[in-house]
Amino acid sequence: KNRPTHEILQKLNDCSCLASQAILLGILLKREGPNFITKEGTVSD
């Protein structure tokens, strides 16, 4: 939760575990908001 956003995005791209993706996306949602862009669209999408 305290790691830089770019590290979280990198882990999100490399991670295939849905449970881990949900955790990382929750951190991004709280930090960057629902409209922050990831590899698969906005955080909300």
All heavy atoms as atom14 arrays in JSON, in Angstrom:
{
  "sequence": "KNRPTHEILQKLNDCSCLASQAILLGILLKREGPNFITKEGTVSD",
  "atom14_mask": [
    [1, 1, 1, 1, 1, 1, 1, 1, 1, 0, 0, 0, 0, 0],
    [1, 1, 1, 1, 1, 1, 1, 1, 0, 0, 0, 0, 0, 0],
    [1, 1, 1, 1, 1, 1, 1, 1, 1, 1, 1, 0, 0, 0],
    [1, 1, 1, 1, 1, 1, 1, 0, 0, 0, 0, 0, 0, 0],
    [1, 1, 1, 1, 1, 1, 1, 0, 0, 0, 0, 0, 0, 0],
    [1, 1, 1, 1, 1, 1, 1, 1, 1, 1, 0, 0, 0, 0],
    [1, 1, 1, 1, 1, 1, 1, 1, 1, 0, 0, 0, 0, 0],
    [1, 1, 1, 1, 1, 1, 1, 1, 0, 0, 0, 0, 0, 0],
    [1, 1, 1, 1, 1, 1, 1, 1, 0, 0, 0, 0, 0, 0],
    [1, 1, 1, 1, 1, 1, 1, 1, 1, 0, 0, 0, 0, 0],
    [1, 1, 1, 1, 1, 1, 1, 1, 1, 0, 0, 0, 0, 0],
    [1, 1, 1, 1, 1, 1, 1, 1, 0, 0, 0, 0, 0, 0],
    [1, 1, 1, 1, 1, 1, 1, 1, 0, 0, 0, 0, 0, 0],
    [1, 1, 1, 1, 1, 1, 1, 1, 0, 0, 0, 0, 0, 0],
    [1, 1, 1, 1, 1, 1, 0, 0, 0, 0, 0, 0, 0, 0],
    [1, 1, 1, 1, 1, 1, 0, 0, 0, 0, 0, 0, 0, 0],
    [1, 1, 1, 1, 1, 1, 0, 0, 0, 0, 0, 0, 0, 0],
    [1, 1, 1, 1, 1, 1, 1, 1, 0, 0, 0, 0, 0, 0],
    [1, 1, 1, 1, 1, 0, 0, 0, 0, 0, 0, 0, 0, 0],
    [1, 1, 1, 1, 1, 1, 0, 0, 0, 0, 0, 0, 0, 0],
    [1, 1, 1, 1, 1, 1, 1, 1, 1, 0, 0, 0, 0, 0],
    [1, 1, 1, 1, 1, 0, 0, 0, 0, 0, 0, 0, 0, 0],
    [1, 1, 1, 1, 1, 1, 1, 1, 0, 0, 0, 0, 0, 0],
    [1, 1, 1, 1, 1, 1, 1, 1, 0, 0, 0, 0, 0, 0],
    [1, 1, 1, 1, 1, 1, 1, 1, 0, 0, 0, 0, 0, 0],
    [1, 1, 1, 1, 0, 0, 0, 0, 0, 0, 0, 0, 0, 0],
    [1, 1, 1, 1, 1, 1, 1, 1, 0, 0, 0, 0, 0, 0],
    [1, 1, 1, 1, 1, 1, 1, 1, 0, 0, 0, 0, 0, 0],
    [1, 1, 1, 1, 1, 1, 1, 1, 0, 0, 0, 0, 0, 0],
    [1, 1, 1, 1, 1, 1, 1, 1, 1, 0, 0, 0, 0, 0],
    [1, 1, 1, 1, 1, 1, 1, 1, 1, 1, 1, 0, 0, 0],
    [1, 1, 1, 1, 1, 1, 1, 1, 1, 0, 0, 0, 0, 0],
    [1, 1, 1, 1, 0, 0, 0, 0, 0, 0, 0, 0, 0, 0],
    [1, 1, 1, 1, 1, 1, 1, 0, 0, 0, 0, 0, 0, 0],
    [1, 1, 1, 1, 1, 1, 1, 1, 0, 0, 0, 0, 0, 0],
    [1, 1, 1, 1, 1, 1, 1, 1, 1, 1, 1, 0, 0, 0],
    [1, 1, 1, 1, 1, 1, 1, 1, 0, 0, 0, 0, 0, 0],
    [1, 1, 1, 1, 1, 1, 1, 0, 0, 0, 0, 0, 0, 0],
    [1, 1, 1, 1, 1, 1, 1, 1, 1, 0, 0, 0, 0, 0],
    [1, 1, 1, 1, 1, 1, 1, 1, 1, 0, 0, 0, 0, 0],
    [1, 1, 1, 1, 0, 0, 0, 0, 0, 0, 0, 0, 0, 0],
    [1, 1, 1, 1, 1, 1, 1, 0, 0, 0, 0, 0, 0, 0],
    [1, 1, 1, 1, 1, 1, 1, 0, 0, 0, 0, 0, 0, 0],
    [1, 1, 1, 1, 1, 1, 0, 0, 0, 0, 0, 0, 0, 0],
    [1, 1, 1, 1, 1, 1, 1, 1, 0, 0, 0, 0, 0, 0]
  ],
  "atom14_positions": [
    [[0.8, -1.23, 0.0], [0.0, 0.0, 0.0], [0.83, 1.27, 0.0], [0.33, 2.34, -0.38], [-0.97, 0.0, 1.19], [-0.31, 0.06, 2.56], [-1.37, 0.06, 3.64], [-0.77, 0.15, 5.04], [-1.82, 0.16, 6.07], [0.0, 0.0, 0.0], [0.0, 0.0, 0.0], [0.0, 0.0, 0.0], [0.0, 0.0, 0.0], [0.0, 0.0, 0.0]],
    [[2.11, 1.18, 0.4], [2.97, 2.37, 0.41], [4.01, 2.37, -0.71], [4.86, 3.25, -0.77], [3.69, 2.48, 1.76], [2.72, 2.73, 2.9], [1.74, 3.47, 2.75], [2.96, 2.1, 4.04], [0.0, 0.0, 0.0], [0.0, 0.0, 0.0], [0.0, 0.0, 0.0], [0.0, 0.0, 0.0], [0.0, 0.0, 0.0], [0.0, 0.0, 0.0]],
    [[3.93, 1.4, -1.61], [4.89, 1.36, -2.71], [4.5, 2.35, -3.8], [3.33, 2.72, -3.93], [4.96, -0.05, -3.29], [5.56, -1.08, -2.33], [6.13, -2.25, -3.1], [6.65, -3.29, -2.22], [7.27, -4.37, -2.64], [7.45, -4.56, -3.94], [7.72, -5.27, -1.79], [0.0, 0.0, 0.0], [0.0, 0.0, 0.0], [0.0, 0.0, 0.0]],
    [[5.48, 2.78, -4.63], [5.17, 3.72, -5.71], [4.15, 3.15, -6.68], [4.06, 1.94, -6.87], [6.54, 3.93, -6.38], [7.54, 3.53, -5.36], [6.91, 2.45, -4.55], [0.0, 0.0, 0.0], [0.0, 0.0, 0.0], [0.0, 0.0, 0.0], [0.0, 0.0, 0.0], [0.0, 0.0, 0.0], [0.0, 0.0, 0.0], [0.0, 0.0, 0.0]],
    [[3.42, 4.05, -7.32], [2.37, 3.63, -8.24], [2.92, 2.83, -9.41], [2.31, 1.84, -9.84], [1.61, 4.86, -8.77], [0.98, 5.53, -7.67], [0.54, 4.45, -9.78], [0.0, 0.0, 0.0], [0.0, 0.0, 0.0], [0.0, 0.0, 0.0], [0.0, 0.0, 0.0], [0.0, 0.0, 0.0], [0.0, 0.0, 0.0], [0.0, 0.0, 0.0]],
    [[4.1, 3.22, -9.91], [4.63, 2.49, -11.07], [4.99, 1.05, -10.73], [4.88, 0.15, -11.57], [5.86, 3.22, -11.65], [7.09, 3.14, -10.79], [7.34, 4.05, -9.76], [8.14, 2.27, -10.79], [8.49, 3.74, -9.18], [8.99, 2.67, -9.77], [0.0, 0.0, 0.0], [0.0, 0.0, 0.0], [0.0, 0.0, 0.0], [0.0, 0.0, 0.0]],
    [[5.41, 0.8, -9.47], [5.7, -0.58, -9.05], [4.41, -1.39, -8.96], [4.37, -2.58, -9.32], [6.42, -0.59, -7.7], [7.85, -0.08, -7.75], [8.56, -0.29, -6.43], [8.06, -1.09, -5.6], [9.62, 0.33, -6.22], [0.0, 0.0, 0.0], [0.0, 0.0, 0.0], [0.0, 0.0, 0.0], [0.0, 0.0, 0.0], [0.0, 0.0, 0.0]],
    [[3.35, -0.76, -8.48], [2.06, -1.44, -8.37], [1.54, -1.79, -9.76], [1.03, -2.9, -10.0], [1.05, -0.57, -7.61], [1.52, -0.36, -6.16], [-0.34, -1.21, -7.63], [0.62, 0.55, -5.35], [0.0, 0.0, 0.0], [0.0, 0.0, 0.0], [0.0, 0.0, 0.0], [0.0, 0.0, 0.0], [0.0, 0.0, 0.0], [0.0, 0.0, 0.0]],
    [[1.69, -0.84, -10.71], [1.25, -1.1, -12.07], [2.05, -2.23, -12.71], [1.49, -3.08, -13.42], [1.38, 0.17, -12.91], [0.33, 1.26, -12.65], [0.69, 2.53, -13.42], [-1.06, 0.78, -13.04], [0.0, 0.0, 0.0], [0.0, 0.0, 0.0], [0.0, 0.0, 0.0], [0.0, 0.0, 0.0], [0.0, 0.0, 0.0], [0.0, 0.0, 0.0]],
    [[3.36, -2.25, -12.46], [4.2, -3.3, -13.02], [3.8, -4.67, -12.46], [3.68, -5.65, -13.2], [5.68, -3.02, -12.7], [6.65, -4.01, -13.33], [6.58, -4.01, -14.84], [6.61, -2.95, -15.46], [6.48, -5.19, -15.44], [0.0, 0.0, 0.0], [0.0, 0.0, 0.0], [0.0, 0.0, 0.0], [0.0, 0.0, 0.0], [0.0, 0.0, 0.0]],
    [[3.57, -4.72, -11.14], [3.14, -5.97, -10.52], [1.78, -6.39, -11.05], [1.51, -7.58, -11.29], [3.08, -5.8, -9.0], [2.62, -7.04, -8.24], [3.59, -8.19, -8.4], [3.18, -9.38, -7.54], [4.06, -10.55, -7.73], [0.0, 0.0, 0.0], [0.0, 0.0, 0.0], [0.0, 0.0, 0.0], [0.0, 0.0, 0.0], [0.0, 0.0, 0.0]],
    [[0.89, -5.42, -11.27], [-0.44, -5.7, -11.78], [-0.36, -6.31, -13.18], [-1.11, -7.24, -13.51], [-1.27, -4.42, -11.8], [-2.74, -4.53, -12.21], [-3.51, -5.42, -11.25], [-3.38, -3.14, -12.27], [0.0, 0.0, 0.0], [0.0, 0.0, 0.0], [0.0, 0.0, 0.0], [0.0, 0.0, 0.0], [0.0, 0.0, 0.0], [0.0, 0.0, 0.0]],
    [[0.55, -5.8, -13.99], [0.71, -6.32, -15.35], [1.3, -7.72, -15.37], [0.97, -8.53, -16.24], [1.59, -5.38, -16.17], [0.94, -4.02, -16.39], [-0.28, -3.89, -16.32], [1.75, -3.01, -16.64], [0.0, 0.0, 0.0], [0.0, 0.0, 0.0], [0.0, 0.0, 0.0], [0.0, 0.0, 0.0], [0.0, 0.0, 0.0], [0.0, 0.0, 0.0]],
    [[2.2, -8.01, -14.41], [2.88, -9.3, -14.38], [2.1, -10.36, -13.63], [2.45, -11.55, -13.7], [4.27, -9.14, -13.75], [5.17, -8.19, -14.53], [4.9, -8.01, -15.73], [6.11, -7.63, -13.94], [0.0, 0.0, 0.0], [0.0, 0.0, 0.0], [0.0, 0.0, 0.0], [0.0, 0.0, 0.0], [0.0, 0.0, 0.0], [0.0, 0.0, 0.0]],
    [[1.09, -9.97, -12.88], [0.39, -10.88, -11.97], [-0.8, -11.53, -12.67], [-1.61, -10.86, -13.31], [-0.08, -10.12, -10.73], [-0.97, -11.12, -9.55], [0.0, 0.0, 0.0], [0.0, 0.0, 0.0], [0.0, 0.0, 0.0], [0.0, 0.0, 0.0], [0.0, 0.0, 0.0], [0.0, 0.0, 0.0], [0.0, 0.0, 0.0], [0.0, 0.0, 0.0]],
    [[-0.92, -12.84, -12.56], [-2.05, -13.56, -13.13], [-3.08, -13.97, -12.07], [-4.16, -14.44, -12.4], [-1.58, -14.82, -13.86], [-0.9, -15.69, -12.96], [0.0, 0.0, 0.0], [0.0, 0.0, 0.0], [0.0, 0.0, 0.0], [0.0, 0.0, 0.0], [0.0, 0.0, 0.0], [0.0, 0.0, 0.0], [0.0, 0.0, 0.0], [0.0, 0.0, 0.0]],
    [[-2.74, -13.79, -10.8], [-3.64, -14.16, -9.71], [-4.71, -13.08, -9.54], [-4.41, -11.91, -9.28], [-2.84, -14.31, -8.41], [-3.84, -14.59, -6.95], [0.0, 0.0, 0.0], [0.0, 0.0, 0.0], [0.0, 0.0, 0.0], [0.0, 0.0, 0.0], [0.0, 0.0, 0.0], [0.0, 0.0, 0.0], [0.0, 0.0, 0.0], [0.0, 0.0, 0.0]],
    [[-5.98, -13.47, -9.68], [-7.07, -12.51, -9.59], [-7.19, -11.9, -8.19], [-7.54, -10.72, -8.04], [-8.39, -13.17, -9.97], [-8.54, -13.58, -11.45], [-9.86, -14.3, -11.67], [-8.44, -12.36, -12.35], [0.0, 0.0, 0.0], [0.0, 0.0, 0.0], [0.0, 0.0, 0.0], [0.0, 0.0, 0.0], [0.0, 0.0, 0.0], [0.0, 0.0, 0.0]],
    [[-6.9, -12.69, -7.16], [-6.96, -12.18, -5.79], [-5.94, -11.07, -5.59], [-6.22, -10.04, -4.97], [-6.73, -13.31, -4.8], [0.0, 0.0, 0.0], [0.0, 0.0, 0.0], [0.0, 0.0, 0.0], [0.0, 0.0, 0.0], [0.0, 0.0, 0.0], [0.0, 0.0, 0.0], [0.0, 0.0, 0.0], [0.0, 0.0, 0.0], [0.0, 0.0, 0.0]],
    [[-4.74, -11.26, -6.11], [-3.69, -10.25, -6.0], [-4.04, -9.01, -6.82], [-3.8, -7.88, -6.4], [-2.35, -10.82, -6.46], [-1.95, -11.9, -5.64], [0.0, 0.0, 0.0], [0.0, 0.0, 0.0], [0.0, 0.0, 0.0], [0.0, 0.0, 0.0], [0.0, 0.0, 0.0], [0.0, 0.0, 0.0], [0.0, 0.0, 0.0], [0.0, 0.0, 0.0]],
    [[-4.6, -9.23, -8.02], [-5.01, -8.1, -8.84], [-6.05, -7.24, -8.13], [-6.0, -6.01, -8.19], [-5.58, -8.61, -10.17], [-4.55, -9.2, -11.1], [-5.17, -9.65, -12.42], [-6.16, -9.08, -12.88], [-4.58, -10.67, -13.04], [0.0, 0.0, 0.0], [0.0, 0.0, 0.0], [0.0, 0.0, 0.0], [0.0, 0.0, 0.0], [0.0, 0.0, 0.0]],
    [[-6.98, -7.89, -7.44], [-8.02, -7.14, -6.73], [-7.41, -6.29, -5.62], [-7.83, -5.15, -5.39], [-9.05, -8.11, -6.14], [0.0, 0.0, 0.0], [0.0, 0.0, 0.0], [0.0, 0.0, 0.0], [0.0, 0.0, 0.0], [0.0, 0.0, 0.0], [0.0, 0.0, 0.0], [0.0, 0.0, 0.0], [0.0, 0.0, 0.0], [0.0, 0.0, 0.0]],
    [[-6.4, -6.82, -4.92], [-5.73, -6.07, -3.87], [-5.01, -4.86, -4.45], [-5.13, -3.73, -3.95], [-4.74, -6.97, -3.1], [-5.49, -8.04, -2.31], [-3.87, -6.14, -2.17], [-4.59, -9.04, -1.63], [0.0, 0.0, 0.0], [0.0, 0.0, 0.0], [0.0, 0.0, 0.0], [0.0, 0.0, 0.0], [0.0, 0.0, 0.0], [0.0, 0.0, 0.0]],
    [[-4.26, -5.07, -5.52], [-3.51, -3.98, -6.15], [-4.44, -2.91, -6.71], [-4.17, -1.71, -6.58], [-2.62, -4.55, -7.27], [-1.51, -5.51, -6.81], [-0.85, -6.16, -8.02], [-0.47, -4.78, -5.97], [0.0, 0.0, 0.0], [0.0, 0.0, 0.0], [0.0, 0.0, 0.0], [0.0, 0.0, 0.0], [0.0, 0.0, 0.0], [0.0, 0.0, 0.0]],
    [[-5.52, -3.34, -7.32], [-6.49, -2.38, -7.86], [-7.17, -1.59, -6.75], [-7.5, -0.41, -6.93], [-7.53, -3.11, -8.71], [-7.02, -3.63, -10.06], [-8.02, -4.6, -10.68], [-6.75, -2.46, -11.01], [0.0, 0.0, 0.0], [0.0, 0.0, 0.0], [0.0, 0.0, 0.0], [0.0, 0.0, 0.0], [0.0, 0.0, 0.0], [0.0, 0.0, 0.0]],
    [[-7.38, -2.23, -5.6], [-7.95, -1.51, -4.46], [-7.02, -0.41, -3.98], [-7.47, 0.69, -3.61], [0.0, 0.0, 0.0], [0.0, 0.0, 0.0], [0.0, 0.0, 0.0], [0.0, 0.0, 0.0], [0.0, 0.0, 0.0], [0.0, 0.0, 0.0], [0.0, 0.0, 0.0], [0.0, 0.0, 0.0], [0.0, 0.0, 0.0], [0.0, 0.0, 0.0]],
    [[-5.71, -0.68, -3.98], [-4.74, 0.34, -3.59], [-4.75, 1.49, -4.58], [-4.74, 2.67, -4.2], [-3.33, -0.28, -3.5], [-3.3, -1.36, -2.41], [-2.29, 0.8, -3.22], [-2.0, -2.13, -2.36], [0.0, 0.0, 0.0], [0.0, 0.0, 0.0], [0.0, 0.0, 0.0], [0.0, 0.0, 0.0], [0.0, 0.0, 0.0], [0.0, 0.0, 0.0]],
    [[-4.78, 1.16, -5.88], [-4.82, 2.2, -6.92], [-6.1, 3.02, -6.85], [-6.09, 4.24, -7.05], [-4.67, 1.57, -8.3], [-3.3, 0.99, -8.66], [-3.36, 0.31, -10.02], [-2.23, 2.09, -8.67], [0.0, 0.0, 0.0], [0.0, 0.0, 0.0], [0.0, 0.0, 0.0], [0.0, 0.0, 0.0], [0.0, 0.0, 0.0], [0.0, 0.0, 0.0]],
    [[-7.22, 2.35, -6.58], [-8.5, 3.04, -6.48], [-8.48, 4.08, -5.38], [-8.93, 5.22, -5.56], [-9.61, 2.02, -6.24], [-11.03, 2.58, -6.07], [-11.52, 3.21, -7.36], [-11.99, 1.49, -5.61], [0.0, 0.0, 0.0], [0.0, 0.0, 0.0], [0.0, 0.0, 0.0], [0.0, 0.0, 0.0], [0.0, 0.0, 0.0], [0.0, 0.0, 0.0]],
    [[-7.93, 3.7, -4.24], [-7.87, 4.62, -3.11], [-6.88, 5.75, -3.36], [-7.14, 6.9, -3.0], [-7.46, 3.83, -1.86], [-7.3, 4.69, -0.62], [-6.85, 3.86, 0.56], [-6.59, 4.72, 1.78], [-6.09, 3.93, 2.92], [0.0, 0.0, 0.0], [0.0, 0.0, 0.0], [0.0, 0.0, 0.0], [0.0, 0.0, 0.0], [0.0, 0.0, 0.0]],
    [[-5.77, 5.44, -4.02], [-4.7, 6.43, -4.2], [-4.93, 7.34, -5.41], [-4.76, 8.55, -5.34], [-3.35, 5.72, -4.35], [-2.17, 6.67, -4.51], [-0.9, 5.9, -4.82], [-0.56, 4.96, -3.76], [0.5, 4.15, -3.81], [1.29, 4.16, -4.89], [0.75, 3.32, -2.82], [0.0, 0.0, 0.0], [0.0, 0.0, 0.0], [0.0, 0.0, 0.0]],
    [[-5.32, 6.74, -6.54], [-5.38, 7.48, -7.8], [-6.81, 7.78, -8.27], [-7.0, 8.62, -9.15], [-4.65, 6.7, -8.91], [-3.23, 6.31, -8.56], [-2.29, 7.5, -8.48], [-2.7, 8.59, -8.89], [-1.15, 7.32, -8.01], [0.0, 0.0, 0.0], [0.0, 0.0, 0.0], [0.0, 0.0, 0.0], [0.0, 0.0, 0.0], [0.0, 0.0, 0.0]],
    [[-7.79, 7.06, -7.74], [-9.16, 7.29, -8.14], [-9.63, 6.31, -9.21], [-8.82, 5.62, -9.83], [0.0, 0.0, 0.0], [0.0, 0.0, 0.0], [0.0, 0.0, 0.0], [0.0, 0.0, 0.0], [0.0, 0.0, 0.0], [0.0, 0.0, 0.0], [0.0, 0.0, 0.0], [0.0, 0.0, 0.0], [0.0, 0.0, 0.0], [0.0, 0.0, 0.0]],
    [[-10.94, 6.25, -9.47], [-11.5, 5.24, -10.39], [-11.14, 5.46, -11.85], [-11.24, 4.54, -12.65], [-13.01, 5.37, -10.17], [-13.2, 6.77, -9.69], [-11.99, 7.09, -8.87], [0.0, 0.0, 0.0], [0.0, 0.0, 0.0], [0.0, 0.0, 0.0], [0.0, 0.0, 0.0], [0.0, 0.0, 0.0], [0.0, 0.0, 0.0], [0.0, 0.0, 0.0]],
    [[-10.74, 6.68, -12.24], [-10.47, 6.97, -13.65], [-9.0, 6.88, -14.01], [-8.63, 7.21, -15.14], [-11.01, 8.37, -13.99], [-12.52, 8.47, -13.85], [-13.24, 7.54, -14.2], [-13.0, 9.57, -13.32], [0.0, 0.0, 0.0], [0.0, 0.0, 0.0], [0.0, 0.0, 0.0], [0.0, 0.0, 0.0], [0.0, 0.0, 0.0], [0.0, 0.0, 0.0]],
    [[-8.18, 6.44, -13.08], [-6.75, 6.27, -13.36], [-6.58, 5.13, -14.38], [-7.24, 4.1, -14.29], [-6.0, 5.95, -12.07], [-4.51, 5.83, -12.24], [-3.73, 6.95, -12.43], [-3.91, 4.58, -12.21], [-2.35, 6.83, -12.59], [-2.54, 4.46, -12.36], [-1.76, 5.59, -12.56], [0.0, 0.0, 0.0], [0.0, 0.0, 0.0], [0.0, 0.0, 0.0]],
    [[-5.7, 5.33, -15.36], [-5.56, 4.39, -16.46], [-4.58, 3.27, -16.12], [-3.46, 3.52, -15.66], [-5.09, 5.11, -17.74], [-6.11, 6.19, -18.14], [-4.93, 4.11, -18.89], [-7.49, 5.67, -18.45], [0.0, 0.0, 0.0], [0.0, 0.0, 0.0], [0.0, 0.0, 0.0], [0.0, 0.0, 0.0], [0.0, 0.0, 0.0], [0.0, 0.0, 0.0]],
    [[-5.01, 2.02, -16.35], [-4.16, 0.85, -16.24], [-4.05, 0.2, -17.61], [-4.54, 0.74, -18.61], [-4.74, -0.16, -15.23], [-5.93, -0.75, -15.78], [-5.08, 0.5, -13.91], [0.0, 0.0, 0.0], [0.0, 0.0, 0.0], [0.0, 0.0, 0.0], [0.0, 0.0, 0.0], [0.0, 0.0, 0.0], [0.0, 0.0, 0.0], [0.0, 0.0, 0.0]],
    [[-3.43, -0.96, -17.66], [-3.27, -1.66, -18.93], [-4.6, -2.08, -19.52], [-4.74, -2.2, -20.75], [-2.39, -2.9, -18.72], [-2.01, -3.63, -20.0], [-1.09, -4.81, -19.7], [-0.71, -5.54, -20.98], [0.2, -6.69, -20.69], [0.0, 0.0, 0.0], [0.0, 0.0, 0.0], [0.0, 0.0, 0.0], [0.0, 0.0, 0.0], [0.0, 0.0, 0.0]],
    [[-5.62, -2.28, -18.67], [-6.94, -2.71, -19.13], [-7.99, -1.61, -18.95], [-9.12, -1.88, -18.58], [-7.37, -3.98, -18.41], [-6.48, -5.17, -18.68], [-7.09, -6.47, -18.19], [-8.32, -6.57, -18.16], [-6.33, -7.4, -17.85], [0.0, 0.0, 0.0], [0.0, 0.0, 0.0], [0.0, 0.0, 0.0], [0.0, 0.0, 0.0], [0.0, 0.0, 0.0]],
    [[-7.6, -0.38, -19.21], [-8.55, 0.72, -19.09], [-8.45, 1.41, -17.74], [-7.41, 1.37, -17.08], [0.0, 0.0, 0.0], [0.0, 0.0, 0.0], [0.0, 0.0, 0.0], [0.0, 0.0, 0.0], [0.0, 0.0, 0.0], [0.0, 0.0, 0.0], [0.0, 0.0, 0.0], [0.0, 0.0, 0.0], [0.0, 0.0, 0.0], [0.0, 0.0, 0.0]],
    [[-9.53, 2.03, -17.33], [-9.54, 2.71, -16.04], [-9.5, 1.69, -14.9], [-9.8, 0.5, -15.1], [-10.79, 3.59, -15.89], [-11.96, 2.74, -15.87], [-10.91, 4.58, -17.03], [0.0, 0.0, 0.0], [0.0, 0.0, 0.0], [0.0, 0.0, 0.0], [0.0, 0.0, 0.0], [0.0, 0.0, 0.0], [0.0, 0.0, 0.0], [0.0, 0.0, 0.0]],
    [[-9.17, 2.18, -13.72], [-9.15, 1.3, -12.54], [-10.52, 0.68, -12.33], [-10.65, -0.51, -12.04], [-8.71, 2.09, -11.29], [-8.96, 1.26, -10.02], [-7.24, 2.46, -11.38], [0.0, 0.0, 0.0], [0.0, 0.0, 0.0], [0.0, 0.0, 0.0], [0.0, 0.0, 0.0], [0.0, 0.0, 0.0], [0.0, 0.0, 0.0], [0.0, 0.0, 0.0]],
    [[-11.57, 1.49, -12.49], [-12.93, 0.99, -12.3], [-13.26, -0.12, -13.3], [-13.84, -1.15, -12.94], [-13.93, 2.15, -12.44], [-15.25, 1.69, -12.26], [0.0, 0.0, 0.0], [0.0, 0.0, 0.0], [0.0, 0.0, 0.0], [0.0, 0.0, 0.0], [0.0, 0.0, 0.0], [0.0, 0.0, 0.0], [0.0, 0.0, 0.0], [0.0, 0.0, 0.0]],
    [[-12.89, 0.1, -14.57], [-13.14, -0.92, -15.6], [-12.34, -2.19, -15.33], [-12.83, -3.31, -15.53], [-12.78, -0.38, -16.98], [-13.73, 0.71, -17.44], [-14.85, 0.78, -16.9], [-13.34, 1.51, -18.31], [0.0, 0.0, 0.0], [0.0, 0.0, 0.0], [0.0, 0.0, 0.0], [0.0, 0.0, 0.0], [0.0, 0.0, 0.0], [0.0, 0.0, 0.0]]
  ]
}
